[in-house]
Protein backbone atom coordinates (compact mmCIF):
# COMPACT_ATOMS: atom_id res chain seq x y z
CA UNK A 1 52.54 0.14 -8.18
CA UNK A 2 49.91 -2.92 -7.69
CA UNK A 3 51.61 -4.32 -4.89
CA UNK A 4 50.92 -0.76 -3.07
CA UNK A 5 47.23 -0.33 -4.08
CA UNK A 6 46.65 -4.29 -2.73
CA UNK A 7 48.20 -3.21 0.45
CA UNK A 8 46.27 -0.07 0.89
CA UNK A 9 42.89 -2.27 0.16
CA UNK A 10 43.97 -4.90 2.63
CA UNK A 11 44.43 -1.97 5.21
CA UNK A 12 41.27 -0.64 4.39
CA UNK A 13 39.85 -3.96 5.37
CA UNK A 14 40.73 -4.02 8.39
CA UNK A 15 39.91 -0.66 9.46
CA UNK A 16 36.61 0.82 9.60
CA UNK A 17 38.38 4.31 8.90
CA UNK A 18 41.69 5.79 8.46
CA UNK A 19 42.27 7.50 11.68
CA UNK A 20 44.26 6.71 14.88
CA UNK A 21 43.33 6.72 18.63
CA UNK A 22 44.74 10.10 20.83
CA UNK A 23 47.41 7.42 22.36
CA UNK A 24 48.30 5.90 19.33
CA UNK A 25 48.40 9.72 17.38
CA UNK A 26 50.75 11.84 19.50
CA UNK A 27 53.92 9.16 19.45
CA UNK A 28 53.19 8.79 15.60
CA UNK A 29 53.05 12.90 15.60
CA UNK A 30 56.21 13.27 17.73
CA UNK A 31 57.96 10.75 15.68
CA UNK A 32 57.33 12.15 12.45
CA UNK A 33 59.04 15.51 13.53
CA UNK A 34 61.16 16.74 16.12
CA UNK A 35 60.52 20.41 16.19
CA UNK A 36 56.76 19.62 15.95
CA UNK A 37 55.02 20.05 19.63
CA UNK A 38 52.82 16.80 20.65
CA UNK A 39 49.23 17.83 19.79
CA UNK A 40 46.80 18.82 22.23
CA UNK A 41 44.22 17.21 23.73
CA UNK A 42 41.85 19.52 22.08
CA UNK A 43 43.87 19.43 18.73
CA UNK A 44 43.45 15.84 18.73
CA UNK A 45 39.90 15.98 19.70
CA UNK A 46 39.31 18.18 16.55
CA UNK A 47 40.87 15.69 14.01
CA UNK A 48 38.33 14.01 11.59
CA UNK A 49 38.72 10.10 10.75
CA UNK A 50 38.26 10.02 6.43
CA UNK A 51 35.59 7.70 5.55
CA UNK A 52 36.77 4.83 4.04
CA UNK A 53 34.64 5.04 0.64
CA UNK A 54 36.86 7.90 0.29
CA UNK A 55 40.04 6.56 0.56
CA UNK A 56 39.04 4.18 -1.39
CA UNK A 57 38.01 6.28 -4.53
CA UNK A 58 41.04 7.77 -4.12
CA UNK A 59 43.14 4.48 -4.28
CA UNK A 60 40.83 3.74 -7.62
CA UNK A 61 41.64 7.34 -8.65
CA UNK A 62 38.41 7.60 -9.73
CA UNK A 63 36.55 10.85 -9.07
CA UNK A 64 33.54 10.98 -7.08
CA UNK A 65 31.31 10.85 -10.50
CA UNK A 66 33.40 8.20 -11.99
CA UNK A 67 32.80 5.84 -8.58
CA UNK A 68 29.35 6.96 -8.61
CA UNK A 69 28.30 5.65 -12.31
CA UNK A 70 31.17 2.70 -12.27
CA UNK A 71 29.42 1.13 -9.04
CA UNK A 72 25.30 2.27 -9.36
CA UNK A 73 26.47 3.97 -6.06
CA UNK A 74 23.66 7.56 -6.42
CA UNK A 75 26.35 10.96 -6.42
CA UNK A 76 24.35 12.50 -3.51
CA UNK A 77 24.35 9.32 -1.45
CA UNK A 78 28.44 8.86 -2.18
CA UNK A 79 29.01 12.54 -1.29
CA UNK A 80 27.08 12.28 2.29
CA UNK A 81 28.78 9.50 3.18
CA UNK A 82 32.43 11.02 1.81
CA UNK A 83 31.52 13.98 3.93
CA UNK A 84 30.21 12.03 7.01
CA UNK A 85 26.94 13.39 7.05
CA UNK A 86 25.43 9.40 6.50
CA UNK A 87 27.13 6.11 7.22
CA UNK A 88 26.37 3.34 4.75
CA UNK A 89 24.06 0.81 6.43
CA UNK A 90 25.34 -2.92 6.19
CA UNK A 91 24.37 -3.88 2.84
CA UNK A 92 26.27 -0.56 1.47
CA UNK A 93 29.42 -1.73 3.70
CA UNK A 94 29.30 -5.43 2.26
CA UNK A 95 29.42 -3.39 -1.44
CA UNK A 96 32.22 -1.76 -0.38
CA UNK A 97 33.93 -4.94 0.62
CA UNK A 98 33.41 -6.17 -2.51
CA UNK A 99 34.48 -3.73 -3.84
CA UNK A 100 37.76 -3.28 -2.10
CA UNK A 101 38.45 -7.03 -2.81
CA UNK A 102 37.99 -6.74 -6.34
CA UNK A 103 37.17 -3.56 -7.53
CA UNK A 104 37.09 -4.25 -11.36
CA UNK A 105 35.09 -7.81 -10.73
CA UNK A 106 32.48 -5.80 -8.72
CA UNK A 107 32.06 -3.02 -12.07
CA UNK A 108 32.36 -5.58 -14.42
CA UNK A 109 29.32 -7.05 -12.77
CA UNK A 110 27.06 -4.33 -12.12
CA UNK A 111 27.83 -2.69 -15.38
CA UNK A 112 27.36 -6.20 -17.28
CA UNK A 113 30.75 -6.48 -18.86
CA UNK A 114 31.74 -9.57 -20.10
CA UNK A 115 35.21 -10.77 -18.71
CA UNK A 116 37.29 -11.47 -21.34
CA UNK A 117 37.80 -15.34 -23.39
CA UNK A 118 40.05 -17.46 -21.53
CA UNK A 119 43.07 -18.80 -23.30
CA UNK A 120 42.93 -21.88 -25.35
């Protein structure tokens, strides 16, 4: 399970959003199920990308409220990011990248939870 989450996090770090370009999406859809016709240009134009922070929150299996409290992001701001109403600024993007890198360490730093003592 931990390996799966790490793979997702690595993919999230390399992609601004979880989405395909039109050229990438059509063959992927055709290969998925031969019974489905390829999406038209109009259908592809209606496909929405999932914001990276929403995908991260889901990977961590946290609700919006839990994510908000755990990382000190105002709930309204988080909702705006996830709905695409607003885009995180440069500082927020860096913070999100830090959470992707080591979610537990960032949570401990934010919540000021002392780390576990090192074994002797």
